[in-house]
Amino acid sequence: MSIKRNVIMPTTEEDTHINAGIAADSDTFELSDAAFKRLKPIRGRGRPLGSGKKVQMTVRFDAEIIDTFKSTGEGWQTKMNDALKDWLKTHRIDRIR
């Protein structure tokens, strides 16, 4: 096991004291190996995976538009994406050829 230089490991005496405190706590228990293997992380590290269908780009909008969507709270970018999709259902965009 690799230990970073600035990590100070407890002495044997401190470790014994820590373990005694853990053993005395009625709210703690040690999982069996089988129970430990059944545990699954709630979610992985980093951002959740997206659909794989979106493209990241830089675009400029009027501040009023951004402020309006941001004021709706978390998920404002998804709401903005959905609003643009709805707009496309009723409007035709002439493509340049």
PDB file of N, CA and C in Angstrom:
ATOM      1  N   MET A   1       0.838  -1.175   0.000  1.00  0.00           N
ATOM      2  CA  MET A   1       0.000   0.000   0.000  1.00  0.00           C
ATOM      3  C   MET A   1       0.885   1.242   0.000  1.00  0.00           C
ATOM      4  N   SER A   2       0.564   2.167  -0.846  1.00  0.00           N
ATOM      5  CA  SER A   2       1.327   3.405  -0.940  1.00  0.00           C
ATOM      6  C   SER A   2       0.681   4.455  -0.046  1.00  0.00           C
ATOM      7  N   ILE A   3       1.474   5.116   0.783  1.00  0.00           N
ATOM      8  CA  ILE A   3       0.977   6.147   1.685  1.00  0.00           C
ATOM      9  C   ILE A   3       1.605   7.477   1.291  1.00  0.00           C
ATOM     10  N   LYS A   4       0.765   8.517   1.206  1.00  0.00           N
ATOM     11  CA  LYS A   4       1.282   9.841   0.886  1.00  0.00           C
ATOM     12  C   LYS A   4       2.189  10.305   2.017  1.00  0.00           C
ATOM     13  N   ARG A   5       3.144  11.139   1.684  1.00  0.00           N
ATOM     14  CA  ARG A   5       4.125  11.599   2.669  1.00  0.00           C
ATOM     15  C   ARG A   5       3.514  12.377   3.827  1.00  0.00           C
ATOM     16  N   ASN A   6       2.450  13.123   3.594  1.00  0.00           N
ATOM     17  CA  ASN A   6       1.896  13.955   4.655  1.00  0.00           C
ATOM     18  C   ASN A   6       0.859  13.243   5.524  1.00  0.00           C
ATOM     19  N   VAL A   7       0.635  11.944   5.299  1.00  0.00           N
ATOM     20  CA  VAL A   7      -0.306  11.175   6.114  1.00  0.00           C
ATOM     21  C   VAL A   7       0.437  10.626   7.329  1.00  0.00           C
ATOM     22  N   ILE A   8      -0.108  10.908   8.507  1.00  0.00           N
ATOM     23  CA  ILE A   8       0.497  10.398   9.739  1.00  0.00           C
ATOM     24  C   ILE A   8      -0.358   9.232  10.220  1.00  0.00           C
ATOM     25  N   MET A   9       0.197   8.049  10.202  1.00  0.00           N
ATOM     26  CA  MET A   9      -0.523   6.859  10.622  1.00  0.00           C
ATOM     27  C   MET A   9      -0.543   6.777  12.145  1.00  0.00           C
ATOM     28  N   PRO A  10      -1.645   6.248  12.723  1.00  0.00           N
ATOM     29  CA  PRO A  10      -1.698   6.123  14.177  1.00  0.00           C
ATOM     30  C   PRO A  10      -0.695   5.089  14.682  1.00  0.00           C
ATOM     31  N   THR A  11      -0.244   5.311  15.902  1.00  0.00           N
ATOM     32  CA  THR A  11       0.652   4.330  16.532  1.00  0.00           C
ATOM     33  C   THR A  11      -0.168   3.104  16.882  1.00  0.00           C
ATOM     34  N   THR A  12       0.478   2.034  17.253  1.00  0.00           N
ATOM     35  CA  THR A  12      -0.226   0.817  17.652  1.00  0.00           C
ATOM     36  C   THR A  12      -1.145   1.105  18.835  1.00  0.00           C
ATOM     37  N   GLU A  13      -0.655   1.897  19.790  1.00  0.00           N
ATOM     38  CA  GLU A  13      -1.462   2.255  20.971  1.00  0.00           C
ATOM     39  C   GLU A  13      -2.698   3.070  20.561  1.00  0.00           C
ATOM     40  N   GLU A  14      -2.501   4.054  19.657  1.00  0.00           N
ATOM     41  CA  GLU A  14      -3.631   4.858  19.196  1.00  0.00           C
ATOM     42  C   GLU A  14      -4.628   4.003  18.417  1.00  0.00           C
ATOM     43  N   ASP A  15      -4.115   3.102  17.600  1.00  0.00           N
ATOM     44  CA  ASP A  15      -4.964   2.219  16.817  1.00  0.00           C
ATOM     45  C   ASP A  15      -5.800   1.313  17.732  1.00  0.00           C
ATOM     46  N   THR A  16      -5.184   0.818  18.786  1.00  0.00           N
ATOM     47  CA  THR A  16      -5.892  -0.015  19.756  1.00  0.00           C
ATOM     48  C   THR A  16      -7.003   0.784  20.421  1.00  0.00           C
ATOM     49  N   HIS A  17      -6.713   2.021  20.787  1.00  0.00           N
ATOM     50  CA  HIS A  17      -7.696   2.899  21.412  1.00  0.00           C
ATOM     51  C   HIS A  17      -8.858   3.189  20.452  1.00  0.00           C
ATOM     52  N   ILE A  18      -8.551   3.449  19.202  1.00  0.00           N
ATOM     53  CA  ILE A  18      -9.573   3.705  18.180  1.00  0.00           C
ATOM     54  C   ILE A  18     -10.471   2.482  18.026  1.00  0.00           C
ATOM     55  N   ASN A  19      -9.874   1.313  17.893  1.00  0.00           N
ATOM     56  CA  ASN A  19     -10.643   0.080  17.721  1.00  0.00           C
ATOM     57  C   ASN A  19     -11.503  -0.230  18.936  1.00  0.00           C
ATOM     58  N   ALA A  20     -11.010   0.084  20.137  1.00  0.00           N
ATOM     59  CA  ALA A  20     -11.804  -0.129  21.353  1.00  0.00           C
ATOM     60  C   ALA A  20     -13.033   0.781  21.345  1.00  0.00           C
ATOM     61  N   GLY A  21     -12.853   2.013  20.881  1.00  0.00           N
ATOM     62  CA  GLY A  21     -13.983   2.938  20.774  1.00  0.00           C
ATOM     63  C   GLY A  21     -15.008   2.453  19.772  1.00  0.00           C
ATOM     64  N   ILE A  22     -14.547   1.918  18.668  1.00  0.00           N
ATOM     65  CA  ILE A  22     -15.452   1.376  17.652  1.00  0.00           C
ATOM     66  C   ILE A  22     -16.221   0.188  18.222  1.00  0.00           C
ATOM     67  N   ALA A  23     -15.525  -0.709  18.914  1.00  0.00           N
ATOM     68  CA  ALA A  23     -16.162  -1.898  19.491  1.00  0.00           C
ATOM     69  C   ALA A  23     -17.185  -1.515  20.558  1.00  0.00           C
ATOM     70  N   ALA A  24     -16.965  -0.425  21.279  1.00  0.00           N
ATOM     71  CA  ALA A  24     -17.878  -0.005  22.346  1.00  0.00           C
ATOM     72  C   ALA A  24     -19.121   0.694  21.799  1.00  0.00           C
ATOM     73  N   ASP A  25     -19.084   1.118  20.549  1.00  0.00           N
ATOM     74  CA  ASP A  25     -20.213   1.831  19.956  1.00  0.00           C
ATOM     75  C   ASP A  25     -21.257   0.829  19.477  1.00  0.00           C
ATOM     76  N   SER A  26     -22.456   0.887  20.059  1.00  0.00           N
ATOM     77  CA  SER A  26     -23.510  -0.083  19.717  1.00  0.00           C
ATOM     78  C   SER A  26     -24.069   0.131  18.314  1.00  0.00           C
ATOM     79  N   ASP A  27     -23.792   1.285  17.698  1.00  0.00           N
ATOM     80  CA  ASP A  27     -24.305   1.559  16.356  1.00  0.00           C
ATOM     81  C   ASP A  27     -23.403   1.032  15.251  1.00  0.00           C
ATOM     82  N   THR A  28     -22.254   0.495  15.613  1.00  0.00           N
ATOM     83  CA  THR A  28     -21.340  -0.004  14.582  1.00  0.00           C
ATOM     84  C   THR A  28     -21.337  -1.524  14.563  1.00  0.00           C
ATOM     85  N   PHE A  29     -21.029  -2.069  13.428  1.00  0.00           N
ATOM     86  CA  PHE A  29     -20.883  -3.512  13.290  1.00  0.00           C
ATOM     87  C   PHE A  29     -19.990  -3.785  12.092  1.00  0.00           C
ATOM     88  N   GLU A  30     -19.426  -4.941  12.065  1.00  0.00           N
ATOM     89  CA  GLU A  30     -18.542  -5.307  10.967  1.00  0.00           C
ATOM     90  C   GLU A  30     -19.302  -6.205  10.007  1.00  0.00           C
ATOM     91  N   LEU A  31     -19.233  -5.886   8.737  1.00  0.00           N
ATOM     92  CA  LEU A  31     -19.910  -6.695   7.723  1.00  0.00           C
ATOM     93  C   LEU A  31     -19.139  -7.976   7.459  1.00  0.00           C
ATOM     94  N   SER A  32     -19.901  -9.037   7.177  1.00  0.00           N
ATOM     95  CA  SER A  32     -19.239 -10.270   6.751  1.00  0.00           C
ATOM     96  C   SER A  32     -18.698 -10.049   5.349  1.00  0.00           C
ATOM     97  N   ASP A  33     -17.787 -10.916   4.908  1.00  0.00           N
ATOM     98  CA  ASP A  33     -17.236 -10.790   3.548  1.00  0.00           C
ATOM     99  C   ASP A  33     -18.348 -10.878   2.506  1.00  0.00           C
ATOM    100  N   ALA A  34     -19.314 -11.777   2.730  1.00  0.00           N
ATOM    101  CA  ALA A  34     -20.419 -11.946   1.778  1.00  0.00           C
ATOM    102  C   ALA A  34     -21.275 -10.677   1.714  1.00  0.00           C
ATOM    103  N   ALA A  35     -21.578 -10.084   2.875  1.00  0.00           N
ATOM    104  CA  ALA A  35     -22.380  -8.862   2.904  1.00  0.00           C
ATOM    105  C   ALA A  35     -21.625  -7.706   2.249  1.00  0.00           C
ATOM    106  N   PHE A  36     -20.328  -7.643   2.472  1.00  0.00           N
ATOM    107  CA  PHE A  36     -19.519  -6.578   1.889  1.00  0.00           C
ATOM    108  C   PHE A  36     -19.513  -6.670   0.366  1.00  0.00           C
ATOM    109  N   LYS A  37     -19.468  -7.891  -0.167  1.00  0.00           N
ATOM    110  CA  LYS A  37     -19.456  -8.081  -1.630  1.00  0.00           C
ATOM    111  C   LYS A  37     -20.785  -7.670  -2.259  1.00  0.00           C
ATOM    112  N   ARG A  38     -21.884  -7.744  -1.489  1.00  0.00           N
ATOM    113  CA  ARG A  38     -23.200  -7.381  -2.019  1.00  0.00           C
ATOM    114  C   ARG A  38     -23.411  -5.867  -2.074  1.00  0.00           C
ATOM    115  N   LEU A  39     -22.581  -5.113  -1.378  1.00  0.00           N
ATOM    116  CA  LEU A  39     -22.720  -3.660  -1.379  1.00  0.00           C
ATOM    117  C   LEU A  39     -22.398  -3.101  -2.752  1.00  0.00           C
ATOM    118  N   LYS A  40     -23.176  -2.121  -3.152  1.00  0.00           N
ATOM    119  CA  LYS A  40     -22.935  -1.472  -4.432  1.00  0.00           C
ATOM    120  C   LYS A  40     -22.853   0.024  -4.182  1.00  0.00           C
ATOM    121  N   PRO A  41     -21.968   0.715  -4.874  1.00  0.00           N
ATOM    122  CA  PRO A  41     -21.876   2.161  -4.671  1.00  0.00           C
ATOM    123  C   PRO A  41     -23.167   2.843  -5.104  1.00  0.00           C
ATOM    124  N   ILE A  42     -23.507   3.929  -4.421  1.00  0.00           N
ATOM    125  CA  ILE A  42     -24.703   4.690  -4.770  1.00  0.00           C
ATOM    126  C   ILE A  42     -24.531   5.294  -6.154  1.00  0.00           C
ATOM    127  N   ARG A  43     -23.368   5.827  -6.410  1.00  0.00           N
ATOM    128  CA  ARG A  43     -23.058   6.337  -7.741  1.00  0.00           C
ATOM    129  C   ARG A  43     -21.548   6.453  -7.848  1.00  0.00           C
ATOM    130  N   GLY A  44     -21.053   6.383  -9.034  1.00  0.00           N
ATOM    131  CA  GLY A  44     -19.617   6.466  -9.258  1.00  0.00           C
ATOM    132  C   GLY A  44     -19.100   7.874  -9.073  1.00  0.00           C
ATOM    133  N   ARG A  45     -17.822   8.023  -9.185  1.00  0.00           N
ATOM    134  CA  ARG A  45     -17.205   9.337  -9.063  1.00  0.00           C
ATOM    135  C   ARG A  45     -17.381  10.121 -10.347  1.00  0.00           C
ATOM    136  N   GLY A  46     -17.382  11.427 -10.210  1.00  0.00           N
ATOM    137  CA  GLY A  46     -17.456  12.299 -11.381  1.00  0.00           C
ATOM    138  C   GLY A  46     -18.881  12.518 -11.847  1.00  0.00           C
ATOM    139  N   ARG A  47     -18.996  13.144 -12.999  1.00  0.00           N
ATOM    140  CA  ARG A  47     -20.311  13.443 -13.555  1.00  0.00           C
ATOM    141  C   ARG A  47     -21.011  12.170 -13.998  1.00  0.00           C
ATOM    142  N   PRO A  48     -22.339  12.142 -13.871  1.00  0.00           N
ATOM    143  CA  PRO A  48     -23.077  10.994 -14.398  1.00  0.00           C
ATOM    144  C   PRO A  48     -22.924  10.931 -15.918  1.00  0.00           C
ATOM    145  N   LEU A  49     -22.973   9.737 -16.455  1.00  0.00           N
ATOM    146  CA  LEU A  49     -22.870   9.582 -17.898  1.00  0.00           C
ATOM    147  C   LEU A  49     -24.095  10.171 -18.569  1.00  0.00           C
ATOM    148  N   GLY A  50     -23.887  10.831 -19.649  1.00  0.00           N
ATOM    149  CA  GLY A  50     -24.992  11.404 -20.408  1.00  0.00           C
ATOM    150  C   GLY A  50     -25.542  10.390 -21.402  1.00  0.00           C
ATOM    151  N   SER A  51     -26.429  10.851 -22.238  1.00  0.00           N
ATOM    152  CA  SER A  51     -27.063   9.981 -23.223  1.00  0.00           C
ATOM    153  C   SER A  51     -26.106   9.624 -24.356  1.00  0.00           C
ATOM    154  N   GLY A  52     -25.038  10.402 -24.494  1.00  0.00           N
ATOM    155  CA  GLY A  52     -24.113  10.173 -25.601  1.00  0.00           C
ATOM    156  C   GLY A  52     -24.582  10.810 -26.890  1.00  0.00           C
ATOM    157  N   LYS A  53     -25.732  11.491 -26.846  1.00  0.00           N
ATOM    158  CA  LYS A  53     -26.301  12.093 -28.044  1.00  0.00           C
ATOM    159  C   LYS A  53     -26.111  13.605 -28.090  1.00  0.00           C
ATOM    160  N   LYS A  54     -25.561  14.170 -27.021  1.00  0.00           N
ATOM    161  CA  LYS A  54     -25.407  15.623 -26.970  1.00  0.00           C
ATOM    162  C   LYS A  54     -24.010  16.037 -27.412  1.00  0.00           C
ATOM    163  N   VAL A  55     -23.923  17.244 -27.929  1.00  0.00           N
ATOM    164  CA  VAL A  55     -22.665  17.788 -28.410  1.00  0.00           C
ATOM    165  C   VAL A  55     -22.353  19.035 -27.587  1.00  0.00           C
ATOM    166  N   GLN A  56     -21.152  19.107 -27.046  1.00  0.00           N
ATOM    167  CA  GLN A  56     -20.761  20.291 -26.296  1.00  0.00           C
ATOM    168  C   GLN A  56     -20.282  21.358 -27.259  1.00  0.00           C
ATOM    169  N   MET A  57     -20.753  22.589 -27.027  1.00  0.00           N
ATOM    170  CA  MET A  57     -20.354  23.691 -27.880  1.00  0.00           C
ATOM    171  C   MET A  57     -20.508  24.997 -27.107  1.00  0.00           C
ATOM    172  N   THR A  58     -19.964  26.051 -27.640  1.00  0.00           N
ATOM    173  CA  THR A  58     -20.114  27.371 -27.049  1.00  0.00           C
ATOM    174  C   THR A  58     -21.101  28.154 -27.890  1.00  0.00           C
ATOM    175  N   VAL A  59     -22.071  28.741 -27.221  1.00  0.00           N
ATOM    176  CA  VAL A  59     -23.093  29.526 -27.925  1.00  0.00           C
ATOM    177  C   VAL A  59     -23.450  30.720 -27.041  1.00  0.00           C
ATOM    178  N   ARG A  60     -23.842  31.826 -27.657  1.00  0.00           N
ATOM    179  CA  ARG A  60     -24.187  33.030 -26.894  1.00  0.00           C
ATOM    180  C   ARG A  60     -25.692  33.277 -26.981  1.00  0.00           C
ATOM    181  N   PHE A  61     -26.305  33.515 -25.799  1.00  0.00           N
ATOM    182  CA  PHE A  61     -27.711  33.873 -25.710  1.00  0.00           C
ATOM    183  C   PHE A  61     -27.820  35.209 -24.981  1.00  0.00           C
ATOM    184  N   ASP A  62     -28.941  35.899 -25.165  1.00  0.00           N
ATOM    185  CA  ASP A  62     -29.186  37.119 -24.408  1.00  0.00           C
ATOM    186  C   ASP A  62     -29.234  36.769 -22.923  1.00  0.00           C
ATOM    187  N   ALA A  63     -28.747  37.690 -22.102  1.00  0.00           N
ATOM    188  CA  ALA A  63     -28.722  37.474 -20.652  1.00  0.00           C
ATOM    189  C   ALA A  63     -30.125  37.196 -20.110  1.00  0.00           C
ATOM    190  N   GLU A  64     -31.121  37.864 -20.676  1.00  0.00           N
ATOM    191  CA  GLU A  64     -32.513  37.680 -20.224  1.00  0.00           C
ATOM    192  C   GLU A  64     -32.957  36.214 -20.378  1.00  0.00           C
ATOM    193  N   ILE A  65     -32.570  35.595 -21.475  1.00  0.00           N
ATOM    194  CA  ILE A  65     -32.947  34.201 -21.719  1.00  0.00           C
ATOM    195  C   ILE A  65     -32.265  33.290 -20.700  1.00  0.00           C
ATOM    196  N   ILE A  66     -30.972  33.466 -20.528  1.00  0.00           N
ATOM    197  CA  ILE A  66     -30.227  32.635 -19.573  1.00  0.00           C
ATOM    198  C   ILE A  66     -30.764  32.836 -18.159  1.00  0.00           C
ATOM    199  N   ASP A  67     -30.979  34.102 -17.770  1.00  0.00           N
ATOM    200  CA  ASP A  67     -31.484  34.394 -16.423  1.00  0.00           C
ATOM    201  C   ASP A  67     -32.845  33.744 -16.187  1.00  0.00           C
ATOM    202  N   THR A  68     -33.696  33.772 -17.198  1.00  0.00           N
ATOM    203  CA  THR A  68     -35.025  33.176 -17.069  1.00  0.00           C
ATOM    204  C   THR A  68     -34.923  31.672 -16.832  1.00  0.00           C
ATOM    205  N   PHE A  69     -34.111  30.996 -17.614  1.00  0.00           N
ATOM    206  CA  PHE A  69     -33.967  29.548 -17.434  1.00  0.00           C
ATOM    207  C   PHE A  69     -33.276  29.215 -16.111  1.00  0.00           C
ATOM    208  N   LYS A  70     -32.231  29.970 -15.762  1.00  0.00           N
ATOM    209  CA  LYS A  70     -31.531  29.721 -14.499  1.00  0.00           C
ATOM    210  C   LYS A  70     -32.455  29.908 -13.300  1.00  0.00           C
ATOM    211  N   SER A  71     -33.393  30.824 -13.414  1.00  0.00           N
ATOM    212  CA  SER A  71     -34.307  31.095 -12.298  1.00  0.00           C
ATOM    213  C   SER A  71     -35.236  29.913 -12.017  1.00  0.00           C
ATOM    214  N   THR A  72     -35.315  28.970 -12.951  1.00  0.00           N
ATOM    215  CA  THR A  72     -36.171  27.792 -12.733  1.00  0.00           C
ATOM    216  C   THR A  72     -35.492  26.756 -11.843  1.00  0.00           C
ATOM    217  N   GLY A  73     -34.208  26.964 -11.540  1.00  0.00           N
ATOM    218  CA  GLY A  73     -33.505  26.067 -10.619  1.00  0.00           C
ATOM    219  C   GLY A  73     -32.696  24.998 -11.335  1.00  0.00           C
ATOM    220  N   GLU A  74     -32.390  23.969 -10.563  1.00  0.00           N
ATOM    221  CA  GLU A  74     -31.547  22.894 -11.074  1.00  0.00           C
ATOM    222  C   GLU A  74     -32.181  22.255 -12.309  1.00  0.00           C
ATOM    223  N   GLY A  75     -31.362  21.917 -13.278  1.00  0.00           N
ATOM    224  CA  GLY A  75     -31.837  21.313 -14.520  1.00  0.00           C
ATOM    225  C   GLY A  75     -32.223  22.340 -15.570  1.00  0.00           C
ATOM    226  N   TRP A  76     -31.812  23.591 -15.353  1.00  0.00           N
ATOM    227  CA  TRP A  76     -32.214  24.640 -16.288  1.00  0.00           C
ATOM    228  C   TRP A  76     -31.695  24.406 -17.689  1.00  0.00           C
ATOM    229  N   GLN A  77     -30.525  23.789 -17.823  1.00  0.00           N
ATOM    230  CA  GLN A  77     -29.975  23.548 -19.165  1.00  0.00           C
ATOM    231  C   GLN A  77     -30.814  22.505 -19.907  1.00  0.00           C
ATOM    232  N   THR A  78     -31.282  21.506 -19.184  1.00  0.00           N
ATOM    233  CA  THR A  78     -32.149  20.490 -19.797  1.00  0.00           C
ATOM    234  C   THR A  78     -33.466  21.132 -20.216  1.00  0.00           C
ATOM    235  N   LYS A  79     -33.997  22.016 -19.363  1.00  0.00           N
ATOM    236  CA  LYS A  79     -35.241  22.720 -19.716  1.00  0.00           C
ATOM    237  C   LYS A  79     -35.050  23.572 -20.959  1.00  0.00           C
ATOM    238  N   MET A  80     -33.904  24.205 -21.076  1.00  0.00           N
ATOM    239  CA  MET A  80     -33.614  25.030 -22.251  1.00  0.00           C
ATOM    240  C   MET A  80     -33.520  24.142 -23.500  1.00  0.00           C
ATOM    241  N   ASN A  81     -32.874  23.001 -23.365  1.00  0.00           N
ATOM    242  CA  ASN A  81     -32.760  22.057 -24.471  1.00  0.00           C
ATOM    243  C   ASN A  81     -34.156  21.594 -24.908  1.00  0.00           C
ATOM    244  N   ASP A  82     -35.015  21.277 -23.922  1.00  0.00           N
ATOM    245  CA  ASP A  82     -36.370  20.820 -24.233  1.00  0.00           C
ATOM    246  C   ASP A  82     -37.182  21.916 -24.903  1.00  0.00           C
ATOM    247  N   ALA A  83     -37.001  23.178 -24.467  1.00  0.00           N
ATOM    248  CA  ALA A  83     -37.718  24.304 -25.077  1.00  0.00           C
ATOM    249  C   ALA A  83     -37.305  24.462 -26.548  1.00  0.00           C
ATOM    250  N   LEU A  84     -36.026  24.295 -26.821  1.00  0.00           N
ATOM    251  CA  LEU A  84     -35.563  24.388 -28.212  1.00  0.00           C
ATOM    252  C   LEU A  84     -36.122  23.247 -29.059  1.00  0.00           C
ATOM    253  N   LYS A  85     -36.204  22.052 -28.483  1.00  0.00           N
ATOM    254  CA  LYS A  85     -36.798  20.916 -29.206  1.00  0.00           C
ATOM    255  C   LYS A  85     -38.260  21.193 -29.533  1.00  0.00           C
ATOM    256  N   ASP A  86     -39.005  21.735 -28.548  1.00  0.00           N
ATOM    257  CA  ASP A  86     -40.411  22.074 -28.791  1.00  0.00           C
ATOM    258  C   ASP A  86     -40.547  23.116 -29.893  1.00  0.00           C
ATOM    259  N   TRP A  87     -39.673  24.113 -29.880  1.00  0.00           N
ATOM    260  CA  TRP A  87     -39.705  25.156 -30.896  1.00  0.00           C
ATOM    261  C   TRP A  87     -39.492  24.550 -32.285  1.00  0.00           C
ATOM    262  N   LEU A  88     -38.563  23.595 -32.373  1.00  0.00           N
ATOM    263  CA  LEU A  88     -38.281  22.965 -33.665  1.00  0.00           C
ATOM    264  C   LEU A  88     -39.469  22.187 -34.217  1.00  0.00           C
ATOM    265  N   LYS A  89     -40.354  21.728 -33.347  1.00  0.00           N
ATOM    266  CA  LYS A  89     -41.532  20.967 -33.797  1.00  0.00           C
ATOM    267  C   LYS A  89     -42.500  21.845 -34.590  1.00  0.00           C
ATOM    268  N   THR A  90     -42.502  23.145 -34.320  1.00  0.00           N
ATOM    269  CA  THR A  90     -43.477  24.035 -34.953  1.00  0.00           C
ATOM    270  C   THR A  90     -42.849  25.062 -35.891  1.00  0.00           C
ATOM    271  N   HIS A  91     -41.544  25.034 -36.044  1.00  0.00           N
ATOM    272  CA  HIS A  91     -40.873  26.006 -36.918  1.00  0.00           C
ATOM    273  C   HIS A  91     -39.967  25.282 -37.900  1.00  0.00           C
ATOM    274  N   ARG A  92     -39.908  25.844 -39.081  1.00  0.00           N
ATOM    275  CA  ARG A  92     -39.046  25.249 -40.105  1.00  0.00           C
ATOM    276  C   ARG A  92     -37.782  26.099 -40.220  1.00  0.00           C
ATOM    277  N   ILE A  93     -36.671  25.445 -40.287  1.00  0.00           N
ATOM    278  CA  ILE A  93     -35.424  26.142 -40.486  1.00  0.00           C
ATOM    279  C   ILE A  93     -34.930  25.793 -41.882  1.00  0.00           C
ATOM    280  N   ASP A  94     -34.813  26.817 -42.730  1.00  0.00           N
ATOM    281  CA  ASP A  94     -34.301  26.586 -44.079  1.00  0.00           C
ATOM    282  C   ASP A  94     -32.817  26.291 -43.993  1.00  0.00           C
ATOM    283  N   ARG A  95     -32.439  25.230 -44.583  1.00  0.00           N
ATOM    284  CA  ARG A  95     -31.023  24.826 -44.547  1.00  0.00           C
ATOM    285  C   ARG A  95     -30.276  25.412 -45.733  1.00  0.00           C
ATOM    286  N   ILE A  96     -29.067  25.840 -45.486  1.00  0.00           N
ATOM    287  CA  ILE A  96     -28.218  26.398 -46.552  1.00  0.00           C
ATOM    288  C   ILE A  96     -27.569  25.218 -47.276  1.00  0.00           C
ATOM    289  N   ARG A  97     -27.640  25.233 -48.593  1.00  0.00           N
ATOM    290  CA  ARG A  97     -27.035  24.125 -49.360  1.00  0.00           C
ATOM    291  C   ARG A  97     -25.908  24.621 -50.177  1.00  0.00           C
TER     292      ARG A  97
END
